[in-house]
Amino acid sequence: MNGRSGGENKPEAIGPIVGKIVSRLGLEGLVTSNRVFEVWNSVVGPAIARHAQPYSLRDGTLIVNVESSVWLSQLDRYRKKQIREKLNRSLPHPLVKRIIFRFGVVNEVR
């Protein structure tokens, strides 16, 4: 619906409508931060994604569950900065200020 009275009702794209609703509700940050979880697998690649998955993002700190101490050590020592930079390049604006890798449950990657 286009909101005009007496005129012909033509379908409108839903994207702009949803964008306006998200903006009015002040949810832009939530929608943007959710993108971290959406792009994780493509940013880190399948080898890392099988062993590490994001758990939460709060105040710029991304918590990532890692399935073993060997992977945790490798990611924390050698890949943290690279992963953070690649994630931020994949987002509309940089959100990840810091990454904390921790031992935890990693769900199967699909």
N, C-alpha and C. Protein backbone atom coordinates (compact mmCIF):
# COMPACT_ATOMS: atom_id res chain seq x y z
N MET A 1 0.84 -1.18 0.00
CA MET A 1 0.00 0.00 0.00
C MET A 1 0.87 1.23 0.00
N ASN A 2 0.36 2.24 -0.64
CA ASN A 2 1.16 3.45 -0.73
C ASN A 2 0.62 4.59 0.10
N GLY A 3 -0.47 4.37 0.81
CA GLY A 3 -0.97 5.40 1.70
C GLY A 3 -1.78 6.48 1.02
N ARG A 4 -1.97 6.41 -0.29
CA ARG A 4 -2.75 7.42 -0.99
C ARG A 4 -4.21 6.97 -1.00
N SER A 5 -5.10 7.89 -0.76
CA SER A 5 -6.52 7.54 -0.79
C SER A 5 -7.07 7.76 -2.19
N GLY A 6 -7.97 6.84 -2.59
CA GLY A 6 -8.63 6.99 -3.87
C GLY A 6 -7.79 6.58 -5.05
N GLY A 7 -6.51 6.32 -4.85
CA GLY A 7 -5.66 5.95 -5.96
C GLY A 7 -5.49 4.45 -6.04
N GLU A 8 -4.77 4.07 -7.05
CA GLU A 8 -4.49 2.66 -7.25
C GLU A 8 -3.43 2.20 -6.26
N ASN A 9 -3.65 1.09 -5.59
CA ASN A 9 -2.68 0.54 -4.65
C ASN A 9 -1.69 -0.33 -5.40
N LYS A 10 -0.44 0.10 -5.40
CA LYS A 10 0.61 -0.66 -6.06
C LYS A 10 1.53 -1.24 -4.99
N PRO A 11 2.03 -2.43 -5.22
CA PRO A 11 2.95 -3.02 -4.24
C PRO A 11 4.24 -2.21 -4.14
N GLU A 12 4.78 -2.17 -2.93
CA GLU A 12 6.05 -1.48 -2.69
C GLU A 12 7.07 -2.48 -2.18
N ALA A 13 8.33 -2.21 -2.42
CA ALA A 13 9.39 -3.06 -1.88
C ALA A 13 9.38 -2.97 -0.37
N ILE A 14 9.60 -4.10 0.28
CA ILE A 14 9.53 -4.12 1.74
C ILE A 14 10.82 -3.62 2.40
N GLY A 15 11.96 -3.71 1.70
CA GLY A 15 13.24 -3.30 2.28
C GLY A 15 13.23 -1.90 2.85
N PRO A 16 12.83 -0.89 2.07
CA PRO A 16 12.81 0.48 2.60
C PRO A 16 11.83 0.64 3.78
N ILE A 17 10.73 -0.08 3.74
CA ILE A 17 9.75 0.01 4.83
C ILE A 17 10.35 -0.55 6.11
N VAL A 18 10.98 -1.72 6.02
CA VAL A 18 11.61 -2.33 7.19
C VAL A 18 12.72 -1.42 7.70
N GLY A 19 13.50 -0.85 6.79
CA GLY A 19 14.56 0.07 7.19
C GLY A 19 14.04 1.24 8.00
N LYS A 20 12.91 1.80 7.59
CA LYS A 20 12.32 2.92 8.34
C LYS A 20 11.85 2.48 9.72
N ILE A 21 11.26 1.30 9.80
CA ILE A 21 10.79 0.79 11.09
C ILE A 21 11.97 0.55 12.03
N VAL A 22 13.02 -0.08 11.52
CA VAL A 22 14.21 -0.35 12.32
C VAL A 22 14.79 0.96 12.83
N SER A 23 14.83 1.97 11.96
CA SER A 23 15.36 3.28 12.35
C SER A 23 14.51 3.93 13.43
N ARG A 24 13.19 3.90 13.24
CA ARG A 24 12.29 4.51 14.23
C ARG A 24 12.40 3.84 15.60
N LEU A 25 12.64 2.53 15.60
CA LEU A 25 12.75 1.80 16.86
C LEU A 25 14.15 1.87 17.46
N GLY A 26 15.07 2.49 16.74
CA GLY A 26 16.44 2.63 17.24
C GLY A 26 17.20 1.31 17.26
N LEU A 27 16.94 0.44 16.30
CA LEU A 27 17.54 -0.89 16.28
C LEU A 27 18.68 -1.03 15.27
N GLU A 28 19.17 0.06 14.71
CA GLU A 28 20.21 -0.03 13.70
C GLU A 28 21.44 -0.77 14.22
N GLY A 29 21.84 -0.47 15.45
CA GLY A 29 23.02 -1.10 16.03
C GLY A 29 22.85 -2.60 16.17
N LEU A 30 21.67 -3.01 16.58
CA LEU A 30 21.39 -4.44 16.74
C LEU A 30 21.44 -5.15 15.39
N VAL A 31 20.85 -4.55 14.39
CA VAL A 31 20.85 -5.14 13.06
C VAL A 31 22.27 -5.21 12.52
N THR A 32 23.04 -4.15 12.69
CA THR A 32 24.42 -4.12 12.21
C THR A 32 25.27 -5.12 12.96
N SER A 33 25.12 -5.20 14.28
CA SER A 33 25.95 -6.14 15.06
C SER A 33 25.61 -7.58 14.70
N ASN A 34 24.40 -7.85 14.30
CA ASN A 34 24.02 -9.19 13.88
C ASN A 34 24.78 -9.61 12.63
N ARG A 35 25.21 -8.65 11.84
CA ARG A 35 25.98 -8.94 10.62
C ARG A 35 27.30 -9.65 10.94
N VAL A 36 27.87 -9.39 12.11
CA VAL A 36 29.12 -10.07 12.50
C VAL A 36 28.91 -11.58 12.45
N PHE A 37 27.78 -12.03 12.96
CA PHE A 37 27.48 -13.45 12.99
C PHE A 37 27.20 -13.99 11.58
N GLU A 38 26.61 -13.16 10.76
CA GLU A 38 26.28 -13.57 9.38
C GLU A 38 27.52 -13.71 8.50
N VAL A 39 28.51 -12.85 8.70
CA VAL A 39 29.68 -12.86 7.82
C VAL A 39 30.85 -13.66 8.37
N TRP A 40 30.76 -14.11 9.60
CA TRP A 40 31.87 -14.79 10.26
C TRP A 40 32.48 -15.90 9.39
N ASN A 41 31.66 -16.85 8.95
CA ASN A 41 32.18 -18.01 8.21
C ASN A 41 32.91 -17.61 6.94
N SER A 42 32.38 -16.64 6.21
CA SER A 42 33.04 -16.22 4.97
C SER A 42 34.31 -15.43 5.27
N VAL A 43 34.33 -14.68 6.36
CA VAL A 43 35.51 -13.88 6.71
C VAL A 43 36.66 -14.78 7.16
N VAL A 44 36.38 -15.75 8.03
CA VAL A 44 37.47 -16.57 8.57
C VAL A 44 37.78 -17.78 7.72
N GLY A 45 36.85 -18.18 6.85
CA GLY A 45 37.06 -19.36 6.02
C GLY A 45 36.62 -20.63 6.71
N PRO A 46 36.41 -21.69 5.93
CA PRO A 46 35.84 -22.92 6.48
C PRO A 46 36.73 -23.62 7.51
N ALA A 47 38.04 -23.56 7.36
CA ALA A 47 38.92 -24.25 8.31
C ALA A 47 38.76 -23.69 9.72
N ILE A 48 38.77 -22.38 9.85
CA ILE A 48 38.60 -21.76 11.17
C ILE A 48 37.16 -21.86 11.62
N ALA A 49 36.21 -21.66 10.72
CA ALA A 49 34.79 -21.69 11.09
C ALA A 49 34.37 -23.02 11.70
N ARG A 50 35.00 -24.11 11.29
CA ARG A 50 34.68 -25.41 11.88
C ARG A 50 35.11 -25.51 13.34
N HIS A 51 36.05 -24.67 13.74
CA HIS A 51 36.62 -24.77 15.09
C HIS A 51 36.35 -23.57 15.99
N ALA A 52 35.79 -22.50 15.42
CA ALA A 52 35.56 -21.27 16.20
C ALA A 52 34.33 -20.55 15.65
N GLN A 53 33.44 -20.14 16.55
CA GLN A 53 32.23 -19.42 16.16
C GLN A 53 31.96 -18.28 17.14
N PRO A 54 31.47 -17.16 16.64
CA PRO A 54 31.16 -16.04 17.53
C PRO A 54 30.03 -16.40 18.49
N TYR A 55 30.16 -15.93 19.72
CA TYR A 55 29.17 -16.19 20.75
C TYR A 55 28.36 -14.94 21.07
N SER A 56 29.06 -13.81 21.23
CA SER A 56 28.36 -12.56 21.55
C SER A 56 29.20 -11.36 21.14
N LEU A 57 28.53 -10.24 20.97
CA LEU A 57 29.18 -8.96 20.68
C LEU A 57 28.55 -7.93 21.58
N ARG A 58 29.36 -7.33 22.44
CA ARG A 58 28.85 -6.33 23.36
C ARG A 58 29.90 -5.24 23.56
N ASP A 59 29.48 -4.00 23.38
CA ASP A 59 30.37 -2.85 23.57
C ASP A 59 31.68 -3.00 22.80
N GLY A 60 31.58 -3.53 21.58
CA GLY A 60 32.76 -3.64 20.73
C GLY A 60 33.62 -4.86 20.99
N THR A 61 33.27 -5.68 21.97
CA THR A 61 34.05 -6.87 22.28
C THR A 61 33.32 -8.10 21.75
N LEU A 62 33.98 -8.81 20.85
CA LEU A 62 33.43 -10.03 20.28
C LEU A 62 33.99 -11.22 21.04
N ILE A 63 33.09 -12.02 21.61
CA ILE A 63 33.48 -13.24 22.29
C ILE A 63 33.31 -14.38 21.29
N VAL A 64 34.36 -15.18 21.12
CA VAL A 64 34.35 -16.27 20.16
C VAL A 64 34.62 -17.58 20.89
N ASN A 65 33.71 -18.54 20.74
CA ASN A 65 33.92 -19.87 21.30
C ASN A 65 34.84 -20.65 20.38
N VAL A 66 35.81 -21.33 20.98
CA VAL A 66 36.78 -22.14 20.25
C VAL A 66 36.77 -23.54 20.85
N GLU A 67 36.80 -24.56 19.99
CA GLU A 67 36.59 -25.92 20.48
C GLU A 67 37.78 -26.59 21.14
N SER A 68 38.98 -26.08 20.97
CA SER A 68 40.14 -26.73 21.60
C SER A 68 41.18 -25.69 21.99
N SER A 69 42.03 -26.09 22.93
CA SER A 69 43.08 -25.18 23.38
C SER A 69 44.10 -24.92 22.29
N VAL A 70 44.31 -25.89 21.41
CA VAL A 70 45.27 -25.70 20.30
C VAL A 70 44.76 -24.60 19.37
N TRP A 71 43.48 -24.70 18.96
CA TRP A 71 42.91 -23.66 18.09
C TRP A 71 42.85 -22.33 18.81
N LEU A 72 42.49 -22.33 20.07
CA LEU A 72 42.41 -21.09 20.85
C LEU A 72 43.76 -20.38 20.84
N SER A 73 44.81 -21.11 21.11
CA SER A 73 46.14 -20.53 21.15
C SER A 73 46.55 -19.95 19.79
N GLN A 74 46.31 -20.70 18.73
CA GLN A 74 46.67 -20.25 17.38
C GLN A 74 45.91 -18.97 16.99
N LEU A 75 44.61 -18.98 17.24
CA LEU A 75 43.79 -17.82 16.87
C LEU A 75 44.17 -16.60 17.70
N ASP A 76 44.34 -16.80 18.98
CA ASP A 76 44.64 -15.68 19.87
C ASP A 76 46.01 -15.07 19.57
N ARG A 77 46.99 -15.90 19.32
CA ARG A 77 48.35 -15.41 19.10
C ARG A 77 48.58 -14.87 17.69
N TYR A 78 48.04 -15.57 16.68
CA TYR A 78 48.46 -15.27 15.32
C TYR A 78 47.39 -14.70 14.39
N ARG A 79 46.12 -14.84 14.73
CA ARG A 79 45.08 -14.44 13.78
C ARG A 79 44.13 -13.37 14.29
N LYS A 80 44.21 -13.01 15.55
CA LYS A 80 43.25 -12.09 16.16
C LYS A 80 43.13 -10.77 15.41
N LYS A 81 44.24 -10.11 15.17
CA LYS A 81 44.22 -8.80 14.51
C LYS A 81 43.68 -8.92 13.09
N GLN A 82 44.12 -9.91 12.36
CA GLN A 82 43.68 -10.11 10.98
C GLN A 82 42.17 -10.36 10.92
N ILE A 83 41.67 -11.21 11.81
CA ILE A 83 40.23 -11.51 11.83
C ILE A 83 39.43 -10.25 12.17
N ARG A 84 39.88 -9.49 13.16
CA ARG A 84 39.17 -8.26 13.55
C ARG A 84 39.12 -7.28 12.38
N GLU A 85 40.24 -7.09 11.70
CA GLU A 85 40.29 -6.16 10.57
C GLU A 85 39.38 -6.61 9.43
N LYS A 86 39.41 -7.91 9.12
CA LYS A 86 38.57 -8.42 8.03
C LYS A 86 37.08 -8.32 8.39
N LEU A 87 36.75 -8.61 9.63
CA LEU A 87 35.35 -8.47 10.06
C LEU A 87 34.89 -7.03 9.89
N ASN A 88 35.67 -6.10 10.37
CA ASN A 88 35.28 -4.69 10.30
C ASN A 88 35.17 -4.19 8.86
N ARG A 89 36.00 -4.72 7.96
CA ARG A 89 35.88 -4.35 6.55
C ARG A 89 34.60 -4.91 5.93
N SER A 90 34.07 -5.98 6.51
CA SER A 90 32.86 -6.61 5.98
C SER A 90 31.58 -6.00 6.51
N LEU A 91 31.69 -5.05 7.42
CA LEU A 91 30.53 -4.42 8.05
C LEU A 91 30.34 -3.00 7.53
N PRO A 92 29.11 -2.48 7.65
CA PRO A 92 28.86 -1.10 7.21
C PRO A 92 29.76 -0.08 7.91
N HIS A 93 30.07 -0.33 9.17
CA HIS A 93 31.04 0.48 9.91
C HIS A 93 31.69 -0.41 10.96
N PRO A 94 32.94 -0.10 11.34
CA PRO A 94 33.67 -0.96 12.27
C PRO A 94 32.95 -1.10 13.61
N LEU A 95 32.73 -2.34 14.03
CA LEU A 95 32.07 -2.62 15.31
C LEU A 95 32.96 -3.36 16.28
N VAL A 96 33.88 -4.16 15.75
CA VAL A 96 34.68 -5.03 16.60
C VAL A 96 35.97 -4.31 17.00
N LYS A 97 36.05 -3.95 18.28
CA LYS A 97 37.24 -3.28 18.80
C LYS A 97 38.23 -4.30 19.35
N ARG A 98 37.67 -5.41 19.83
CA ARG A 98 38.52 -6.40 20.47
C ARG A 98 37.86 -7.78 20.34
N ILE A 99 38.68 -8.81 20.27
CA ILE A 99 38.18 -10.18 20.21
C ILE A 99 38.74 -10.95 21.39
N ILE A 100 37.86 -11.68 22.05
CA ILE A 100 38.28 -12.59 23.12
C ILE A 100 37.93 -14.01 22.67
N PHE A 101 38.95 -14.83 22.52
CA PHE A 101 38.74 -16.24 22.21
C PHE A 101 38.68 -17.00 23.52
N ARG A 102 37.70 -17.90 23.63
CA ARG A 102 37.56 -18.68 24.85
C ARG A 102 37.14 -20.10 24.49
N PHE A 103 37.48 -21.03 25.36
CA PHE A 103 37.08 -22.41 25.15
C PHE A 103 35.57 -22.50 25.32
N GLY A 104 34.88 -23.12 24.35
CA GLY A 104 33.43 -23.23 24.43
C GLY A 104 32.87 -24.11 23.34
N VAL A 105 31.57 -24.27 23.37
CA VAL A 105 30.87 -25.11 22.40
C VAL A 105 30.85 -24.41 21.04
N VAL A 106 31.19 -25.18 20.01
CA VAL A 106 31.15 -24.67 18.63
C VAL A 106 30.15 -25.52 17.87
N ASN A 107 29.11 -24.87 17.38
CA ASN A 107 28.08 -25.57 16.61
C ASN A 107 28.61 -25.95 15.24
N GLU A 108 28.03 -26.99 14.68
CA GLU A 108 28.43 -27.45 13.36
C GLU A 108 28.15 -26.38 12.31
N VAL A 109 29.12 -26.15 11.44
CA VAL A 109 28.98 -25.15 10.40
C VAL A 109 28.20 -25.75 9.25
N ARG A 110 27.24 -24.97 8.73
CA ARG A 110 26.41 -25.43 7.61
C ARG A 110 26.73 -24.68 6.36
